[in-house]
Amino acid sequence: MDKRYFTIEEANAVVPDLLEIVPKLQILHAKLTKEFPDVRNAWEKARYGGGSMQGADYLAVALMTNRLINELESKGCVIKGIERGLVDFPAMRDGKEVYLCWKNPETEIKYWHDLDTGFAGRQPL
């Protein structure tokens, strides 16, 4: 499958979806990491046959998280950090591959960075 490259206009067209989905992902991620201590204990003891009363609830949150991530990735987005709300869009700039960079709650794409510099290398468009 060919890699999709976004124009700034195409990436900006996805921003309303990001503004809706990324905060949901952040809430779900926080739940997975903080609200299921019983699951963490069961996971740590799994080699001894441990289980968890929270397992079904944890699974429901994990599946919803996975569905939202798949929804964004199917659009061509590259999720770089759920906690920080970072999403990149592959693009071409001056003949080289770069990322258009979005951070929650920005309302439009205003930055880009090289593939190997990440968020720290963000530069204004």
N, C-alpha and C. Protein backbone atom coordinates (compact mmCIF):
# COMPACT_ATOMS: atom_id res chain seq x y z
N MET A 1 0.83 -1.17 0.00
CA MET A 1 0.00 0.00 0.00
C MET A 1 0.88 1.24 0.00
N ASP A 2 0.55 2.22 -0.83
CA ASP A 2 1.31 3.45 -0.92
C ASP A 2 1.12 4.29 0.34
N LYS A 3 2.19 4.95 0.73
CA LYS A 3 2.13 5.83 1.89
C LYS A 3 1.39 7.10 1.51
N ARG A 4 0.53 7.55 2.39
CA ARG A 4 -0.23 8.77 2.13
C ARG A 4 0.56 9.97 2.64
N TYR A 5 0.62 11.00 1.82
CA TYR A 5 1.20 12.27 2.23
C TYR A 5 0.09 13.31 2.25
N PHE A 6 0.06 14.10 3.30
CA PHE A 6 -0.96 15.12 3.49
C PHE A 6 -0.48 16.47 3.01
N THR A 7 -1.40 17.24 2.44
CA THR A 7 -1.16 18.66 2.28
C THR A 7 -1.58 19.31 3.60
N ILE A 8 -1.23 20.55 3.78
CA ILE A 8 -1.65 21.26 5.00
C ILE A 8 -3.17 21.32 5.06
N GLU A 9 -3.80 21.54 3.92
CA GLU A 9 -5.27 21.62 3.88
C GLU A 9 -5.91 20.28 4.26
N GLU A 10 -5.33 19.19 3.76
CA GLU A 10 -5.87 17.86 4.09
C GLU A 10 -5.70 17.56 5.57
N ALA A 11 -4.55 17.90 6.13
CA ALA A 11 -4.33 17.66 7.55
C ALA A 11 -5.27 18.53 8.39
N ASN A 12 -5.44 19.78 8.00
CA ASN A 12 -6.36 20.65 8.74
C ASN A 12 -7.79 20.16 8.68
N ALA A 13 -8.16 19.46 7.62
CA ALA A 13 -9.51 18.90 7.52
C ALA A 13 -9.75 17.80 8.56
N VAL A 14 -8.69 17.19 9.07
CA VAL A 14 -8.80 16.13 10.07
C VAL A 14 -8.80 16.70 11.50
N VAL A 15 -8.37 17.93 11.67
CA VAL A 15 -8.25 18.53 13.01
C VAL A 15 -9.56 18.47 13.81
N PRO A 16 -10.73 18.74 13.21
CA PRO A 16 -11.96 18.61 14.02
C PRO A 16 -12.14 17.20 14.60
N ASP A 17 -11.77 16.17 13.84
CA ASP A 17 -11.82 14.80 14.36
C ASP A 17 -10.83 14.63 15.51
N LEU A 18 -9.63 15.19 15.36
CA LEU A 18 -8.62 15.09 16.41
C LEU A 18 -9.10 15.76 17.70
N LEU A 19 -9.73 16.92 17.54
CA LEU A 19 -10.22 17.65 18.72
C LEU A 19 -11.31 16.88 19.46
N GLU A 20 -11.99 16.01 18.76
CA GLU A 20 -13.01 15.17 19.40
C GLU A 20 -12.41 13.88 19.96
N ILE A 21 -11.56 13.23 19.17
CA ILE A 21 -11.08 11.88 19.51
C ILE A 21 -9.91 11.90 20.50
N VAL A 22 -8.95 12.78 20.33
CA VAL A 22 -7.75 12.76 21.17
C VAL A 22 -8.08 12.97 22.66
N PRO A 23 -8.96 13.93 23.02
CA PRO A 23 -9.31 14.01 24.45
C PRO A 23 -9.95 12.73 24.99
N LYS A 24 -10.75 12.07 24.18
CA LYS A 24 -11.33 10.78 24.60
C LYS A 24 -10.23 9.75 24.83
N LEU A 25 -9.26 9.72 23.92
CA LEU A 25 -8.13 8.80 24.07
C LEU A 25 -7.34 9.10 25.34
N GLN A 26 -7.15 10.37 25.63
CA GLN A 26 -6.41 10.75 26.83
C GLN A 26 -7.14 10.28 28.10
N ILE A 27 -8.45 10.41 28.12
CA ILE A 27 -9.24 9.95 29.27
C ILE A 27 -9.15 8.44 29.40
N LEU A 28 -9.31 7.73 28.28
CA LEU A 28 -9.23 6.27 28.31
C LEU A 28 -7.85 5.80 28.75
N HIS A 29 -6.81 6.45 28.22
CA HIS A 29 -5.44 6.08 28.58
C HIS A 29 -5.22 6.26 30.08
N ALA A 30 -5.71 7.37 30.62
CA ALA A 30 -5.58 7.62 32.05
C ALA A 30 -6.31 6.55 32.86
N LYS A 31 -7.48 6.14 32.38
CA LYS A 31 -8.21 5.08 33.07
C LYS A 31 -7.41 3.78 33.07
N LEU A 32 -6.86 3.44 31.92
CA LEU A 32 -6.10 2.19 31.81
C LEU A 32 -4.90 2.18 32.75
N THR A 33 -4.28 3.33 32.92
CA THR A 33 -3.06 3.36 33.73
C THR A 33 -3.32 3.60 35.21
N LYS A 34 -4.50 4.14 35.56
CA LYS A 34 -4.71 4.52 36.96
C LYS A 34 -5.90 3.86 37.65
N GLU A 35 -6.92 3.48 36.91
CA GLU A 35 -8.16 3.05 37.54
C GLU A 35 -8.34 1.54 37.68
N PHE A 36 -7.34 0.78 37.35
CA PHE A 36 -7.48 -0.67 37.41
C PHE A 36 -6.33 -1.31 38.18
N PRO A 37 -6.15 -0.98 39.46
CA PRO A 37 -5.04 -1.56 40.21
C PRO A 37 -5.15 -3.08 40.33
N ASP A 38 -6.38 -3.58 40.36
CA ASP A 38 -6.56 -5.02 40.47
C ASP A 38 -6.03 -5.74 39.23
N VAL A 39 -6.20 -5.12 38.08
CA VAL A 39 -5.70 -5.71 36.83
C VAL A 39 -4.18 -5.71 36.83
N ARG A 40 -3.59 -4.61 37.29
CA ARG A 40 -2.11 -4.56 37.36
C ARG A 40 -1.59 -5.65 38.28
N ASN A 41 -2.22 -5.83 39.44
CA ASN A 41 -1.81 -6.89 40.36
C ASN A 41 -1.96 -8.27 39.72
N ALA A 42 -3.08 -8.48 39.02
CA ALA A 42 -3.30 -9.77 38.36
C ALA A 42 -2.26 -10.00 37.27
N TRP A 43 -1.94 -8.94 36.52
CA TRP A 43 -0.95 -9.07 35.46
C TRP A 43 0.40 -9.46 36.06
N GLU A 44 0.76 -8.83 37.16
CA GLU A 44 2.04 -9.13 37.79
C GLU A 44 2.09 -10.55 38.34
N LYS A 45 0.93 -11.09 38.73
CA LYS A 45 0.87 -12.43 39.30
C LYS A 45 0.37 -13.48 38.31
N ALA A 46 0.24 -13.11 37.04
CA ALA A 46 -0.36 -14.00 36.04
C ALA A 46 0.39 -15.32 35.92
N ARG A 47 1.66 -15.31 36.09
CA ARG A 47 2.41 -16.56 35.95
C ARG A 47 2.04 -17.56 37.04
N TYR A 48 1.36 -17.06 38.08
CA TYR A 48 0.91 -17.95 39.15
C TYR A 48 -0.59 -18.24 39.05
N GLY A 49 -1.19 -17.91 37.89
CA GLY A 49 -2.61 -18.20 37.68
C GLY A 49 -3.54 -17.16 38.27
N GLY A 50 -3.06 -15.92 38.47
CA GLY A 50 -3.88 -14.86 39.05
C GLY A 50 -4.96 -14.40 38.09
N GLY A 51 -5.95 -13.77 38.62
CA GLY A 51 -7.04 -13.21 37.84
C GLY A 51 -7.42 -11.86 38.39
N SER A 52 -8.48 -11.26 37.84
CA SER A 52 -8.89 -9.94 38.27
C SER A 52 -10.38 -9.77 38.14
N MET A 53 -10.99 -9.18 39.15
CA MET A 53 -12.41 -8.84 39.10
C MET A 53 -12.63 -7.67 38.14
N GLN A 54 -11.61 -6.87 37.88
CA GLN A 54 -11.74 -5.72 37.01
C GLN A 54 -11.43 -6.05 35.55
N GLY A 55 -11.13 -7.29 35.27
CA GLY A 55 -10.68 -7.67 33.93
C GLY A 55 -11.63 -7.27 32.82
N ALA A 56 -12.93 -7.49 32.98
CA ALA A 56 -13.90 -7.17 31.92
C ALA A 56 -13.98 -5.67 31.70
N ASP A 57 -13.97 -4.88 32.78
CA ASP A 57 -14.02 -3.43 32.63
C ASP A 57 -12.76 -2.90 31.96
N TYR A 58 -11.62 -3.44 32.36
CA TYR A 58 -10.34 -3.05 31.76
C TYR A 58 -10.36 -3.36 30.26
N LEU A 59 -10.84 -4.54 29.92
CA LEU A 59 -10.89 -4.95 28.51
C LEU A 59 -11.79 -4.01 27.71
N ALA A 60 -12.91 -3.61 28.26
CA ALA A 60 -13.82 -2.69 27.56
C ALA A 60 -13.12 -1.36 27.26
N VAL A 61 -12.39 -0.83 28.23
CA VAL A 61 -11.67 0.43 28.05
C VAL A 61 -10.55 0.25 27.03
N ALA A 62 -9.83 -0.87 27.11
CA ALA A 62 -8.75 -1.14 26.16
C ALA A 62 -9.28 -1.27 24.74
N LEU A 63 -10.40 -1.93 24.57
CA LEU A 63 -10.98 -2.10 23.23
C LEU A 63 -11.45 -0.76 22.67
N MET A 64 -12.03 0.10 23.49
CA MET A 64 -12.45 1.42 23.03
C MET A 64 -11.24 2.25 22.64
N THR A 65 -10.18 2.17 23.43
CA THR A 65 -8.94 2.87 23.10
C THR A 65 -8.41 2.40 21.75
N ASN A 66 -8.38 1.10 21.55
CA ASN A 66 -7.90 0.52 20.30
C ASN A 66 -8.76 0.97 19.12
N ARG A 67 -10.08 1.02 19.30
CA ARG A 67 -10.98 1.44 18.22
C ARG A 67 -10.68 2.87 17.81
N LEU A 68 -10.50 3.77 18.79
CA LEU A 68 -10.23 5.17 18.48
C LEU A 68 -8.87 5.34 17.81
N ILE A 69 -7.87 4.62 18.27
CA ILE A 69 -6.55 4.68 17.64
C ILE A 69 -6.65 4.20 16.19
N ASN A 70 -7.34 3.09 15.96
CA ASN A 70 -7.50 2.57 14.60
C ASN A 70 -8.24 3.56 13.72
N GLU A 71 -9.22 4.26 14.28
CA GLU A 71 -9.96 5.26 13.50
C GLU A 71 -9.03 6.36 13.01
N LEU A 72 -8.17 6.85 13.89
CA LEU A 72 -7.23 7.90 13.48
C LEU A 72 -6.18 7.37 12.51
N GLU A 73 -5.65 6.19 12.79
CA GLU A 73 -4.62 5.63 11.91
C GLU A 73 -5.18 5.31 10.53
N SER A 74 -6.46 4.96 10.45
CA SER A 74 -7.06 4.67 9.13
C SER A 74 -7.15 5.93 8.28
N LYS A 75 -7.13 7.09 8.90
CA LYS A 75 -7.13 8.36 8.18
C LYS A 75 -5.72 8.74 7.71
N GLY A 76 -4.70 8.01 8.19
CA GLY A 76 -3.32 8.30 7.84
C GLY A 76 -2.56 9.02 8.92
N CYS A 77 -3.19 9.28 10.06
CA CYS A 77 -2.53 9.96 11.18
C CYS A 77 -1.51 9.03 11.83
N VAL A 78 -0.48 9.63 12.40
CA VAL A 78 0.53 8.89 13.14
C VAL A 78 0.46 9.40 14.58
N ILE A 79 -0.02 8.57 15.49
CA ILE A 79 -0.16 8.97 16.88
C ILE A 79 1.21 8.89 17.54
N LYS A 80 1.65 10.01 18.08
CA LYS A 80 2.98 10.08 18.67
C LYS A 80 2.98 10.15 20.19
N GLY A 81 1.85 10.44 20.78
CA GLY A 81 1.79 10.50 22.23
C GLY A 81 0.39 10.79 22.72
N ILE A 82 -0.25 9.81 23.28
CA ILE A 82 -1.62 10.00 23.74
C ILE A 82 -1.65 10.97 24.92
N GLU A 83 -0.78 10.78 25.90
CA GLU A 83 -0.80 11.64 27.09
C GLU A 83 -0.62 13.11 26.73
N ARG A 84 0.27 13.40 25.83
CA ARG A 84 0.55 14.80 25.43
C ARG A 84 -0.36 15.25 24.29
N GLY A 85 -1.11 14.33 23.70
CA GLY A 85 -2.01 14.69 22.60
C GLY A 85 -1.28 15.05 21.32
N LEU A 86 -0.28 14.24 20.95
CA LEU A 86 0.53 14.52 19.77
C LEU A 86 0.15 13.62 18.60
N VAL A 87 -0.09 14.24 17.45
CA VAL A 87 -0.42 13.50 16.23
C VAL A 87 0.35 14.13 15.08
N ASP A 88 0.96 13.28 14.26
CA ASP A 88 1.71 13.75 13.09
C ASP A 88 1.01 13.28 11.81
N PHE A 89 1.31 14.02 10.73
CA PHE A 89 0.80 13.70 9.41
C PHE A 89 1.98 13.65 8.45
N PRO A 90 2.23 12.51 7.80
CA PRO A 90 3.31 12.46 6.81
C PRO A 90 3.03 13.49 5.70
N ALA A 91 4.09 14.19 5.29
CA ALA A 91 3.96 15.21 4.25
C ALA A 91 5.28 15.33 3.52
N MET A 92 5.23 16.01 2.38
CA MET A 92 6.44 16.33 1.63
C MET A 92 6.66 17.82 1.72
N ARG A 93 7.89 18.21 2.03
CA ARG A 93 8.24 19.63 2.13
C ARG A 93 9.59 19.82 1.46
N ASP A 94 9.61 20.64 0.45
CA ASP A 94 10.85 20.90 -0.30
C ASP A 94 11.51 19.61 -0.76
N GLY A 95 10.70 18.65 -1.21
CA GLY A 95 11.21 17.41 -1.76
C GLY A 95 11.63 16.35 -0.75
N LYS A 96 11.40 16.59 0.54
CA LYS A 96 11.75 15.56 1.52
C LYS A 96 10.56 15.27 2.42
N GLU A 97 10.56 14.05 2.94
CA GLU A 97 9.47 13.61 3.80
C GLU A 97 9.64 14.23 5.19
N VAL A 98 8.56 14.81 5.69
CA VAL A 98 8.52 15.42 7.01
C VAL A 98 7.19 15.06 7.66
N TYR A 99 6.99 15.54 8.86
CA TYR A 99 5.71 15.41 9.53
C TYR A 99 5.11 16.79 9.76
N LEU A 100 3.84 16.94 9.41
CA LEU A 100 3.06 18.08 9.89
C LEU A 100 2.67 17.70 11.31
N CYS A 101 2.81 18.62 12.23
CA CYS A 101 2.71 18.28 13.66
C CYS A 101 1.52 19.00 14.30
N TRP A 102 0.71 18.23 15.03
CA TRP A 102 -0.45 18.77 15.75
C TRP A 102 -0.36 18.36 17.21
N LYS A 103 -0.74 19.28 18.10
CA LYS A 103 -0.80 19.00 19.53
C LYS A 103 -2.13 19.51 20.05
N ASN A 104 -2.80 18.66 20.81
CA ASN A 104 -4.06 19.03 21.42
C ASN A 104 -3.86 20.22 22.35
N PRO A 105 -4.62 21.27 22.30
CA PRO A 105 -5.87 21.52 21.58
C PRO A 105 -5.73 22.49 20.40
N GLU A 106 -4.63 22.44 19.68
CA GLU A 106 -4.45 23.36 18.55
C GLU A 106 -5.61 23.20 17.56
N THR A 107 -6.07 24.31 17.01
CA THR A 107 -7.21 24.27 16.10
C THR A 107 -6.82 24.19 14.63
N GLU A 108 -5.53 24.25 14.37
CA GLU A 108 -5.04 24.07 13.01
C GLU A 108 -3.58 23.63 13.04
N ILE A 109 -3.13 23.11 11.90
CA ILE A 109 -1.74 22.68 11.77
C ILE A 109 -0.89 23.93 11.54
N LYS A 110 0.05 24.18 12.44
CA LYS A 110 0.91 25.36 12.33
C LYS A 110 2.39 25.02 12.32
N TYR A 111 2.72 23.71 12.50
CA TYR A 111 4.11 23.32 12.66
C TYR A 111 4.43 22.08 11.84
N TRP A 112 5.70 21.88 11.62
CA TRP A 112 6.22 20.68 10.98
C TRP A 112 7.54 20.33 11.66
N HIS A 113 8.00 19.10 11.42
CA HIS A 113 9.33 18.72 11.90
C HIS A 113 9.87 17.59 11.04
N ASP A 114 11.19 17.45 11.05
CA ASP A 114 11.83 16.34 10.34
C ASP A 114 11.42 15.03 11.00
N LEU A 115 11.57 13.94 10.27
CA LEU A 115 11.16 12.63 10.77
C LEU A 115 11.91 12.24 12.03
N ASP A 116 13.16 12.65 12.13
CA ASP A 116 13.98 12.21 13.26
C ASP A 116 14.10 13.21 14.41
N THR A 117 13.44 14.37 14.31
CA THR A 117 13.57 15.34 15.38
C THR A 117 12.41 15.34 16.36
N GLY A 118 11.27 14.87 15.94
CA GLY A 118 10.12 14.81 16.83
C GLY A 118 9.64 16.19 17.27
N PHE A 119 8.79 16.15 18.31
CA PHE A 119 8.14 17.37 18.80
C PHE A 119 9.15 18.46 19.14
N ALA A 120 10.29 18.09 19.68
CA ALA A 120 11.31 19.07 20.07
C ALA A 120 11.83 19.85 18.86
N GLY A 121 11.70 19.28 17.66
CA GLY A 121 12.18 19.94 16.45
C GLY A 121 11.12 20.70 15.68
N ARG A 122 9.96 20.92 16.32
CA ARG A 122 8.87 21.63 15.63
C ARG A 122 9.30 23.00 15.15
N GLN A 123 8.90 23.30 13.91
CA GLN A 123 9.17 24.59 13.33
C GLN A 123 7.89 25.15 12.74
N PRO A 124 7.71 26.46 12.78
CA PRO A 124 6.50 27.05 12.18
C PRO A 124 6.46 26.80 10.67
N LEU A 125 5.26 26.63 10.14
CA LEU A 125 5.11 26.45 8.69
C LEU A 125 5.48 27.73 7.97
